[in-house]
Amino acid sequence: MDNKSEIIAAIDIGTTKIVALAGRKTENNRFEILGFGTTSSKGIKRGVVLNIDETVKSIRIALDKVYQSSGIRLNEVFVGIAGQHVRSTKSRSTIKVSSPDSIISQKDIKDLEDLMRQIISEAGEEVLDVIPQSYIVDKETGIENPVGMYGNILQGNYHIILGQMSMVNNIKKCVTISGLKVKTLILEPLASSEAVLSDLEKKSGVVMMDIGGGTTDLAIYKDNKVIHTAVIPIGGNTITNDIQQELGILEKQAEELKINFGSAIQEKSQESTIFSIEGLKGREEKEITLKDLSAIIQARMEEILHTVMFQIESAGIKGNIPGGIVITGGGSLLKNLKQLASFITNNDIRIAYPTEYIEGKFSGDINKPQYSTAIGLIMKGYMYNSQKTEYSIFEKLNEEQKKEPEIIEEEKSKQHKEKENHGNKKFFNIIKKSVNKLLEDEEE
C-alpha cells in the first residue's frame, strides 16, 4: 500500500480529553479522517499519568468509538506527549565523515543524530526528539543540508526535546495495555503547529500557543525551523479551579460559567449581569456578577500570556515575529482572548482552527481548536512514515553502490581466471601437438 492510501492512527492523551483518530493522505494533499473517537480523560493531570487503570479505561473508550464509527481497529499509533516533565535544550555534536572520498551521506547525518541522543540526556531522562537547526562542514557554517558535499568534519546544531523517563514509560505502558503499539512519541506543540500554521508563517517567524486543559504548549518557528519549545504548566483547568475557589462553588458549576459566560477581559458594563448559582443541599443560592467572573479569568490569562512573552524573549525574537501569535486549543475559544493577547504581547493574534488540512465525514465534528493536536499527530505520522520510506530506499541504494565495486572486481577476477585458463589450455595444446609430431617422426 502506498503512503497516500496508508491509514495512520493517532492518540492525543490530554488532561481533559482523550482523542483517537484514523486518517489518510488524499490526492489533493489533505487528510481524510476515517475514524474518530473522544472521551473525558481520567487519570491524567498536566500531561502526567496519575492512575494507569483510569487512563487505560479512557483510551479504550475512545478506541471503541473509532471502531463503532468506522469499523477500523487501531493497531500502531502515533502518540502525543507534553506535560510539565518535558523540557528542551540546544546542543551540538561532531563526527568525522565516514566515507573514504569525504562525501557526506545520509548515514553521516543519522550518525550525528544518534551521537546527540547518546550524549545529551541526563540521568532519568529520555530524548524524545532531535530537531536539526543547521550544520557546519569543516569551517563552513549555516548549511541547511550537507548531504553530497565534500568535507572531513561534520557538526550539527540541534534543538533537543527531553522528557522524564518514568513519565514517558507510563504513557507508553497505558497505550500498550490498551492493546496498541506505540509507533513513536510526538511532542504535542509540534503536532498542533503542523495542523494550524502555514509554511509562510513558519518561514517568516511565528509563535504557536496551544491552550489545553492542563498545560499551555508553545512552539516558535523561524526560517521553517523550530527554534524554541516550552510547556507551561497552566491551562484551562487552572482557570476553572480559580473560579471554584474564589466563588466557593462546585467544579462543574465553575466550568459551566467559564464556558458559557467567561471573558478574558473585565469590563465595567459587566456589573449589571448577575448569575444565581444553586447552593449545596440546604444552602442558599449565590449571586455572582459577570465582572467578578471575568476578573478571575483575566488574572490567570494575563499570567499565561506574560509567561509566553518570557519564552519569546528566551528564544531571542521578541521584536521580530512577522507571523504574530497563533492561538489554538480548547482555551483559545475564551471570549475576548484575542483582544487581551494583542494588548499584552503587542503582536497580531490569530485564533486557529485546523480547517485547511482536513476532509471527510468527520470534518465538521473535529474542525475545532481542541482537536488541532490530534489532527497534527496524523499529519506528523504521515511525515514520519514518508521519511522512514525515503531512508530505507537510500539505504538500499547505498548497499547496492557498495556492492558494485565488489561485483566489478569479482567479474574482473573471473575474466582474468578465464583468460589464464584459456592461455594454459592453448599452451597445453601446443605441447601436445609438438609431442605428437615427435612421435610421428620417430615412427617414420
Protein backbone atom coordinates (compact mmCIF):
# COMPACT_ATOMS: atom_id res chain seq x y z
CA MET A 1 0.00 0.00 0.00
CA ASP A 2 1.50 3.39 -0.93
CA ASN A 3 1.84 6.22 1.58
CA LYS A 4 -1.06 8.21 0.13
CA SER A 5 -3.55 5.45 0.92
CA GLU A 6 -1.91 4.23 4.12
CA ILE A 7 -4.11 4.55 7.20
CA ILE A 8 -2.42 6.42 10.03
CA ALA A 9 -3.67 6.24 13.63
CA ALA A 10 -3.02 8.69 16.45
CA ILE A 11 -3.95 9.25 20.09
CA ASP A 12 -3.92 12.57 21.93
CA ILE A 13 -3.85 11.83 25.67
CA GLY A 14 -4.79 15.12 27.30
CA THR A 15 -5.76 16.30 30.76
CA THR A 16 -9.42 16.91 29.88
CA LYS A 17 -9.99 14.52 26.96
CA ILE A 18 -8.52 11.61 25.02
CA VAL A 19 -8.89 11.71 21.24
CA ALA A 20 -8.29 8.77 18.90
CA LEU A 21 -8.18 9.27 15.13
CA ALA A 22 -7.61 7.21 12.00
CA GLY A 23 -6.91 9.03 8.75
CA ARG A 24 -5.04 9.01 5.45
CA LYS A 25 -3.50 11.45 2.99
CA THR A 26 -5.65 12.25 -0.05
CA GLU A 27 -4.65 13.10 -3.62
CA ASN A 28 -5.21 16.82 -3.00
CA ASN A 29 -2.74 16.89 -0.07
CA ARG A 30 -5.41 16.98 2.61
CA PHE A 31 -6.20 14.39 5.27
CA GLU A 32 -9.40 12.39 5.29
CA ILE A 33 -10.43 11.43 8.83
CA LEU A 34 -11.85 7.92 8.60
CA GLY A 35 -12.46 7.19 12.30
CA PHE A 36 -12.97 9.48 15.30
CA GLY A 37 -13.46 8.83 18.99
CA THR A 38 -13.16 11.02 22.05
CA THR A 39 -13.96 10.75 25.75
CA SER A 40 -13.28 12.54 29.01
CA SER A 41 -9.80 11.92 30.32
CA LYS A 42 -9.36 10.33 33.72
CA GLY A 43 -6.10 9.58 35.48
CA ILE A 44 -4.11 12.35 33.76
CA LYS A 45 -3.04 15.71 35.16
CA ARG A 46 -0.89 18.22 33.24
CA GLY A 47 0.29 15.53 30.87
CA VAL A 48 1.35 13.17 33.66
CA VAL A 49 -0.28 9.77 34.27
CA LEU A 50 -1.52 9.58 37.88
CA ASN A 51 -3.71 6.49 37.53
CA ILE A 52 -2.84 3.86 34.91
CA ASP A 53 -6.12 1.91 35.21
CA GLU A 54 -8.29 5.01 34.74
CA THR A 55 -6.17 6.21 31.81
CA VAL A 56 -6.37 2.80 30.09
CA LYS A 57 -10.17 2.75 30.51
CA SER A 58 -10.42 6.20 28.87
CA ILE A 59 -8.17 5.16 25.98
CA ARG A 60 -10.26 2.02 25.36
CA ILE A 61 -13.49 4.03 25.28
CA ALA A 62 -12.01 6.32 22.63
CA LEU A 63 -10.78 3.30 20.62
CA ASP A 64 -14.22 1.67 20.77
CA LYS A 65 -15.78 4.86 19.41
CA VAL A 66 -13.34 4.82 16.49
CA TYR A 67 -14.34 1.23 15.72
CA GLN A 68 -18.07 1.97 16.03
CA SER A 69 -17.79 4.98 13.73
CA SER A 70 -15.59 3.42 11.05
CA GLY A 71 -15.06 -0.31 11.58
CA ILE A 72 -11.33 0.38 11.91
CA ARG A 73 -9.40 -1.23 14.76
CA LEU A 74 -6.30 0.75 15.59
CA ASN A 75 -3.01 -1.11 15.93
CA GLU A 76 0.14 1.01 15.64
CA VAL A 77 -0.40 4.60 16.80
CA PHE A 78 1.43 7.90 16.96
CA VAL A 79 1.08 9.23 20.50
CA GLY A 80 1.19 12.86 21.55
CA ILE A 81 3.25 13.79 24.60
CA ALA A 82 3.58 17.02 26.58
CA GLY A 83 3.40 17.79 30.29
CA GLN A 84 5.48 19.68 32.82
CA HIS A 85 8.16 16.96 32.79
CA VAL A 86 9.10 17.83 29.18
CA ARG A 87 11.95 20.26 28.59
CA SER A 88 14.04 21.42 25.63
CA THR A 89 17.66 22.41 25.17
CA LYS A 90 20.16 23.20 22.42
CA SER A 91 23.38 21.36 21.72
CA ARG A 92 25.95 20.48 19.06
CA SER A 93 27.64 17.21 18.09
CA THR A 94 30.63 16.48 15.84
CA ILE A 95 31.73 13.47 13.78
CA LYS A 96 34.37 12.66 11.19
CA VAL A 97 32.91 11.99 7.75
CA SER A 98 32.85 8.23 7.27
CA SER A 99 33.26 7.79 3.50
CA PRO A 100 36.80 7.42 2.07
CA ASP A 101 36.11 10.03 -0.62
CA SER A 102 34.94 12.56 2.08
CA ILE A 103 31.45 12.93 0.58
CA ILE A 104 28.81 13.48 3.29
CA SER A 105 26.00 10.92 3.14
CA GLN A 106 22.64 10.48 4.82
CA LYS A 107 24.31 7.92 7.06
CA ASP A 108 26.61 10.65 8.43
CA ILE A 109 23.54 12.75 9.30
CA LYS A 110 21.97 9.78 11.10
CA ASP A 111 25.23 9.02 12.93
CA LEU A 112 25.37 12.65 14.07
CA GLU A 113 21.82 12.50 15.46
CA ASP A 114 22.43 9.13 17.13
CA LEU A 115 25.51 10.58 18.83
CA MET A 116 23.44 13.52 20.07
CA ARG A 117 20.85 11.14 21.55
CA GLN A 118 23.60 9.36 23.48
CA ILE A 119 25.35 12.37 25.00
CA ILE A 120 22.66 14.93 25.77
CA SER A 121 20.25 13.26 28.20
CA GLU A 122 20.71 13.39 31.95
CA ALA A 123 20.02 10.59 34.42
CA GLY A 124 16.35 9.62 34.35
CA GLU A 125 15.67 11.46 31.08
CA GLU A 126 14.84 10.23 27.59
CA VAL A 127 15.44 12.06 24.30
CA LEU A 128 12.05 12.44 22.61
CA ASP A 129 13.16 14.31 19.50
CA VAL A 130 16.30 15.69 17.87
CA ILE A 131 15.47 18.63 15.58
CA PRO A 132 18.30 19.89 13.31
CA GLN A 133 18.84 23.64 13.16
CA SER A 134 21.91 23.95 10.91
CA TYR A 135 25.15 22.17 10.00
CA ILE A 136 28.84 23.08 9.83
CA VAL A 137 31.08 21.35 7.27
CA ASP A 138 34.74 21.83 8.23
CA LYS A 139 34.55 25.58 8.96
CA GLU A 140 31.64 26.50 6.68
CA THR A 141 28.63 27.49 8.83
CA GLY A 142 24.89 27.89 8.22
CA ILE A 143 24.45 24.86 5.95
CA GLU A 144 20.90 23.50 5.81
CA ASN A 145 21.53 20.18 4.04
CA PRO A 146 25.14 18.97 3.79
CA VAL A 147 24.38 15.66 2.01
CA GLY A 148 26.54 15.35 -1.11
CA MET A 149 29.07 17.97 -0.02
CA TYR A 150 32.79 17.30 0.42
CA GLY A 151 34.12 17.62 3.96
CA ASN A 152 36.12 15.92 6.69
CA ILE A 153 34.40 17.18 9.86
CA LEU A 154 30.60 17.44 10.15
CA GLN A 155 28.90 19.30 13.01
CA GLY A 156 25.21 19.70 13.73
CA ASN A 157 23.30 22.23 15.83
CA TYR A 158 20.17 20.71 17.34
CA HIS A 159 17.05 21.56 19.30
CA ILE A 160 16.55 18.65 21.69
CA ILE A 161 13.27 17.60 23.35
CA LEU A 162 13.65 15.58 26.56
CA GLY A 163 11.21 14.01 29.00
CA GLN A 164 11.39 12.22 32.32
CA MET A 165 11.83 8.53 31.53
CA SER A 166 9.36 7.36 34.18
CA MET A 167 6.63 9.70 32.87
CA VAL A 168 7.31 8.68 29.27
CA ASN A 169 7.21 4.99 30.17
CA ASN A 170 3.88 5.42 31.96
CA ILE A 171 2.34 6.91 28.81
CA LYS A 172 3.75 4.03 26.72
CA LYS A 173 2.50 1.49 29.27
CA CYS A 174 -1.06 2.84 29.17
CA VAL A 175 -1.12 2.67 25.36
CA THR A 176 0.37 -0.85 25.33
CA ILE A 177 -2.07 -2.20 27.93
CA SER A 178 -4.88 -0.78 25.78
CA GLY A 179 -3.80 -3.22 23.06
CA LEU A 180 -1.82 -0.80 20.90
CA LYS A 181 1.76 -0.50 19.72
CA VAL A 182 3.47 2.91 20.05
CA LYS A 183 4.98 3.80 16.68
CA THR A 184 6.66 6.88 18.11
CA LEU A 185 6.01 9.73 20.54
CA ILE A 186 5.46 13.21 19.10
CA LEU A 187 5.71 16.44 21.07
CA GLU A 188 2.20 17.90 21.10
CA PRO A 189 3.04 21.56 20.32
CA LEU A 190 4.86 20.37 17.18
CA ALA A 191 1.75 18.38 16.19
CA SER A 192 -0.55 21.34 16.82
CA SER A 193 1.75 23.57 14.78
CA GLU A 194 1.52 21.20 11.84
CA ALA A 195 -2.28 21.45 11.89
CA VAL A 196 -2.66 25.24 12.19
CA LEU A 197 0.46 27.00 10.85
CA SER A 198 1.16 27.84 7.22
CA ASP A 199 4.56 27.43 5.56
CA LEU A 200 4.75 31.20 5.14
CA GLU A 201 4.21 31.75 8.88
CA LYS A 202 6.92 29.22 9.74
CA LYS A 203 9.29 30.89 7.30
CA SER A 204 8.73 34.46 8.47
CA GLY A 205 8.66 33.72 12.21
CA VAL A 206 5.63 32.76 14.31
CA VAL A 207 4.63 31.67 17.81
CA MET A 208 2.15 28.80 18.19
CA MET A 209 0.31 28.70 21.51
CA ASP A 210 -1.95 25.75 22.35
CA ILE A 211 -4.04 26.30 25.49
CA GLY A 212 -5.09 22.87 26.73
CA GLY A 213 -6.75 21.71 29.91
CA GLY A 214 -3.62 21.09 31.97
CA THR A 215 -0.87 22.95 30.11
CA THR A 216 -0.22 25.66 27.56
CA ASP A 217 2.15 24.34 24.90
CA LEU A 218 4.43 26.63 22.93
CA ALA A 219 6.39 26.25 19.67
CA ILE A 220 8.33 29.07 18.00
CA TYR A 221 9.37 28.88 14.33
CA LYS A 222 11.80 30.90 12.24
CA ASP A 223 13.08 30.11 8.72
CA ASN A 224 10.96 26.94 8.69
CA LYS A 225 12.73 25.59 11.77
CA VAL A 226 11.58 25.00 15.33
CA ILE A 227 13.83 27.28 17.37
CA HIS A 228 12.11 27.03 20.76
CA THR A 229 9.54 24.87 22.54
CA ALA A 230 8.07 25.06 26.03
CA VAL A 231 5.33 23.53 28.16
CA ILE A 232 3.74 25.98 30.61
CA PRO A 233 2.01 24.10 33.48
CA ILE A 234 -1.09 26.34 33.41
CA GLY A 235 -4.18 25.68 31.31
CA GLY A 236 -7.95 25.86 31.17
CA ASN A 237 -8.41 23.66 34.23
CA THR A 238 -6.35 26.12 36.26
CA ILE A 239 -8.85 28.85 35.40
CA THR A 240 -11.74 26.57 36.38
CA ASN A 241 -10.07 25.86 39.74
CA ASP A 242 -9.58 29.61 40.32
CA ILE A 243 -13.29 30.26 39.72
CA GLN A 244 -14.27 27.39 42.00
CA GLN A 245 -12.01 28.57 44.85
CA GLU A 246 -12.75 32.28 44.57
CA LEU A 247 -16.52 31.93 44.32
CA GLY A 248 -16.90 28.89 46.59
CA ILE A 249 -18.87 26.81 44.08
CA LEU A 250 -18.64 23.29 42.63
CA GLU A 251 -16.09 22.46 39.93
CA LYS A 252 -18.86 21.57 37.49
CA GLN A 253 -20.56 24.93 38.09
CA ALA A 254 -17.25 26.76 37.63
CA GLU A 255 -16.60 25.01 34.31
CA GLU A 256 -20.08 25.84 33.01
CA LEU A 257 -19.69 29.50 33.99
CA LYS A 258 -16.31 29.69 32.23
CA ILE A 259 -17.51 28.08 29.01
CA ASN A 260 -20.91 29.79 28.72
CA PHE A 261 -20.21 33.27 30.12
CA GLY A 262 -16.46 33.63 30.71
CA SER A 263 -14.48 36.53 29.24
CA ALA A 264 -10.75 37.25 29.20
CA ILE A 265 -11.38 40.98 29.78
CA GLN A 266 -13.14 42.55 32.75
CA GLU A 267 -15.45 45.42 31.81
CA LYS A 268 -17.45 47.85 33.94
CA SER A 269 -20.63 47.11 32.00
CA GLN A 270 -20.48 43.53 33.26
CA GLU A 271 -21.55 44.64 36.77
CA SER A 272 -25.20 44.62 35.76
CA THR A 273 -25.11 40.95 34.71
CA ILE A 274 -25.73 38.71 37.74
CA PHE A 275 -25.83 34.91 37.92
CA SER A 276 -27.64 32.88 40.56
CA ILE A 277 -25.74 29.70 41.41
CA GLU A 278 -27.61 26.89 43.11
CA GLY A 279 -26.19 26.19 46.55
CA LEU A 280 -25.46 22.81 48.04
CA LYS A 281 -28.31 20.97 49.73
CA GLY A 282 -29.85 23.15 52.42
CA ARG A 283 -27.79 26.24 51.46
CA GLU A 284 -28.83 29.48 49.85
CA GLU A 285 -28.17 30.43 46.24
CA LYS A 286 -25.08 32.51 45.44
CA GLU A 287 -25.20 35.63 43.32
CA ILE A 288 -22.15 36.32 41.15
CA THR A 289 -21.59 39.25 38.79
CA LEU A 290 -20.11 38.74 35.34
CA LYS A 291 -17.49 41.36 36.22
CA ASP A 292 -16.21 39.25 39.13
CA LEU A 293 -16.11 36.16 36.94
CA SER A 294 -14.17 37.98 34.23
CA ALA A 295 -11.71 39.42 36.76
CA ILE A 296 -10.74 35.90 37.89
CA ILE A 297 -10.30 34.70 34.31
CA GLN A 298 -8.37 37.77 33.20
CA ALA A 299 -5.86 37.49 36.05
CA ARG A 300 -4.94 33.93 35.11
CA MET A 301 -4.89 34.59 31.36
CA GLU A 302 -2.55 37.54 31.91
CA GLU A 303 -0.20 35.22 33.82
CA ILE A 304 -0.19 32.75 30.92
CA LEU A 305 0.46 35.48 28.34
CA HIS A 306 3.28 37.06 30.37
CA THR A 307 4.90 33.61 30.64
CA VAL A 308 4.57 33.25 26.87
CA MET A 309 6.32 36.62 26.42
CA PHE A 310 9.15 35.43 28.67
CA GLN A 311 9.56 32.34 26.46
CA ILE A 312 9.57 34.52 23.33
CA GLU A 313 12.34 36.65 24.84
CA SER A 314 14.27 33.47 25.70
CA ALA A 315 14.09 32.47 22.04
CA GLY A 316 15.61 35.85 21.08
CA ILE A 317 12.86 37.00 18.70
CA LYS A 318 10.84 39.43 20.86
CA GLY A 319 10.81 42.22 18.28
CA ASN A 320 10.76 40.04 15.18
CA ILE A 321 7.56 37.99 14.86
CA PRO A 322 6.08 38.85 11.43
CA GLY A 323 3.71 35.86 11.69
CA GLY A 324 2.42 37.04 15.07
CA ILE A 325 0.98 34.64 17.65
CA VAL A 326 -1.35 31.83 16.58
CA ILE A 327 -3.54 30.50 19.41
CA THR A 328 -5.32 27.14 19.30
CA GLY A 329 -6.57 24.51 21.77
CA GLY A 330 -9.80 24.49 23.77
CA GLY A 331 -8.74 27.55 25.77
CA SER A 332 -8.50 29.66 22.62
CA LEU A 333 -12.32 29.81 22.46
CA LEU A 334 -12.46 32.06 25.52
CA LYS A 335 -14.29 35.29 24.71
CA ASN A 336 -12.10 38.41 24.21
CA LEU A 337 -8.88 36.38 24.41
CA LYS A 338 -7.69 37.77 21.08
CA GLN A 339 -8.00 41.35 22.32
CA LEU A 340 -6.24 40.63 25.63
CA ALA A 341 -3.41 38.74 23.92
CA SER A 342 -2.91 41.54 21.39
CA PHE A 343 -2.73 44.14 24.18
CA ILE A 344 -0.23 42.22 26.36
CA THR A 345 2.04 40.86 23.62
CA ASN A 346 1.78 43.77 21.17
CA ASN A 347 1.50 41.26 18.33
CA ASP A 348 -1.01 40.20 15.70
CA ILE A 349 -3.18 37.39 17.06
CA ARG A 350 -4.95 34.63 15.14
CA ILE A 351 -7.32 32.07 16.69
CA ALA A 352 -6.62 28.90 14.69
CA TYR A 353 -8.83 26.04 13.51
CA PRO A 354 -7.41 23.03 11.62
CA THR A 355 -9.81 23.71 8.71
CA GLU A 356 -7.29 23.82 5.89
CA TYR A 357 -5.99 20.27 6.18
CA ILE A 358 -9.00 18.00 6.87
CA GLU A 359 -11.89 16.50 4.95
CA GLY A 360 -14.29 13.57 5.19
CA LYS A 361 -17.48 12.84 7.08
CA PHE A 362 -15.97 13.79 10.46
CA SER A 363 -14.55 17.14 9.33
CA GLY A 364 -17.49 19.04 10.83
CA ASP A 365 -17.07 17.31 14.20
CA ILE A 366 -13.34 17.84 14.55
CA ASN A 367 -12.84 21.22 12.91
CA LYS A 368 -12.37 22.79 16.33
CA PRO A 369 -9.28 24.20 18.07
CA GLN A 370 -9.41 21.49 20.75
CA TYR A 371 -8.68 18.85 18.08
CA SER A 372 -5.68 20.60 16.49
CA THR A 373 -3.19 18.35 18.30
CA ALA A 374 -4.90 15.10 17.25
CA ILE A 375 -5.08 16.17 13.61
CA GLY A 376 -1.47 17.32 13.75
CA LEU A 377 -0.46 13.88 15.04
CA ILE A 378 -1.97 12.28 11.91
CA MET A 379 -0.05 14.76 9.73
CA LYS A 380 3.23 14.23 11.60
CA GLY A 381 2.67 10.48 11.42
CA TYR A 382 2.43 10.65 7.63
CA MET A 383 5.67 12.67 7.51
CA TYR A 384 7.37 10.15 9.81
CA ASN A 385 6.38 7.22 7.58
CA SER A 386 7.49 9.08 4.44
CA GLN A 387 10.91 9.86 5.91
CA LYS A 388 11.34 6.23 7.00
CA THR A 389 10.47 5.06 3.48
CA GLU A 390 12.89 7.53 1.90
CA TYR A 391 15.67 6.48 4.26
CA SER A 392 15.02 2.78 3.55
CA ILE A 393 15.28 3.46 -0.19
CA PHE A 394 18.50 5.42 0.40
CA GLU A 395 19.95 2.58 2.49
CA LYS A 396 19.10 0.08 -0.25
CA LEU A 397 20.75 2.23 -2.92
CA ASN A 398 23.74 2.75 -0.65
CA GLU A 399 24.13 -1.01 -0.18
CA GLU A 400 23.87 -1.56 -3.93
CA GLN A 401 26.53 1.10 -4.54
CA LYS A 402 28.80 -0.64 -2.03
CA LYS A 403 28.28 -3.97 -3.79
CA GLU A 404 29.00 -2.59 -7.28
CA PRO A 405 32.80 -2.32 -6.84
CA GLU A 406 32.84 -5.82 -5.32
CA ILE A 407 30.87 -7.19 -8.28
CA ILE A 408 33.17 -5.41 -10.75
CA GLU A 409 36.28 -6.82 -9.01
CA GLU A 410 34.71 -10.25 -8.91
CA GLU A 411 33.89 -10.03 -12.62
CA LYS A 412 37.44 -8.87 -13.41
CA SER A 413 38.88 -11.73 -11.38
CA LYS A 414 36.62 -14.17 -13.16
CA GLN A 415 37.61 -12.81 -16.57
CA HIS A 416 41.29 -12.95 -15.56
CA LYS A 417 40.95 -16.59 -14.49
CA GLU A 418 39.13 -17.47 -17.70
CA LYS A 419 41.85 -15.76 -19.72
CA GLU A 420 44.54 -17.54 -17.70
CA ASN A 421 42.80 -20.87 -18.15
CA HIS A 422 42.42 -20.19 -21.85
CA GLY A 423 46.16 -19.41 -22.09
CA ASN A 424 47.09 -22.57 -20.19
CA LYS A 425 44.81 -24.64 -22.40
CA LYS A 426 46.33 -23.10 -25.55
CA PHE A 427 49.87 -23.77 -24.26
CA PHE A 428 48.96 -27.37 -23.40
CA ASN A 429 47.56 -27.90 -26.90
CA ILE A 430 50.79 -26.60 -28.45
CA ILE A 431 52.89 -29.01 -26.32
CA LYS A 432 50.54 -31.84 -27.19
CA LYS A 433 50.89 -31.14 -30.92
CA SER A 434 54.68 -30.98 -30.60
CA VAL A 435 54.87 -34.31 -28.76
CA ASN A 436 52.58 -35.97 -31.31
CA LYS A 437 54.75 -34.66 -34.15
CA LEU A 438 57.91 -36.05 -32.49
CA LEU A 439 56.25 -39.43 -32.08
CA GLU A 440 55.19 -39.47 -35.71
CA ASP A 441 58.77 -38.61 -36.83
CA GLU A 442 60.15 -41.38 -34.60
CA GLU A 443 57.82 -43.92 -36.17
CA GLU A 444 58.88 -42.90 -39.64
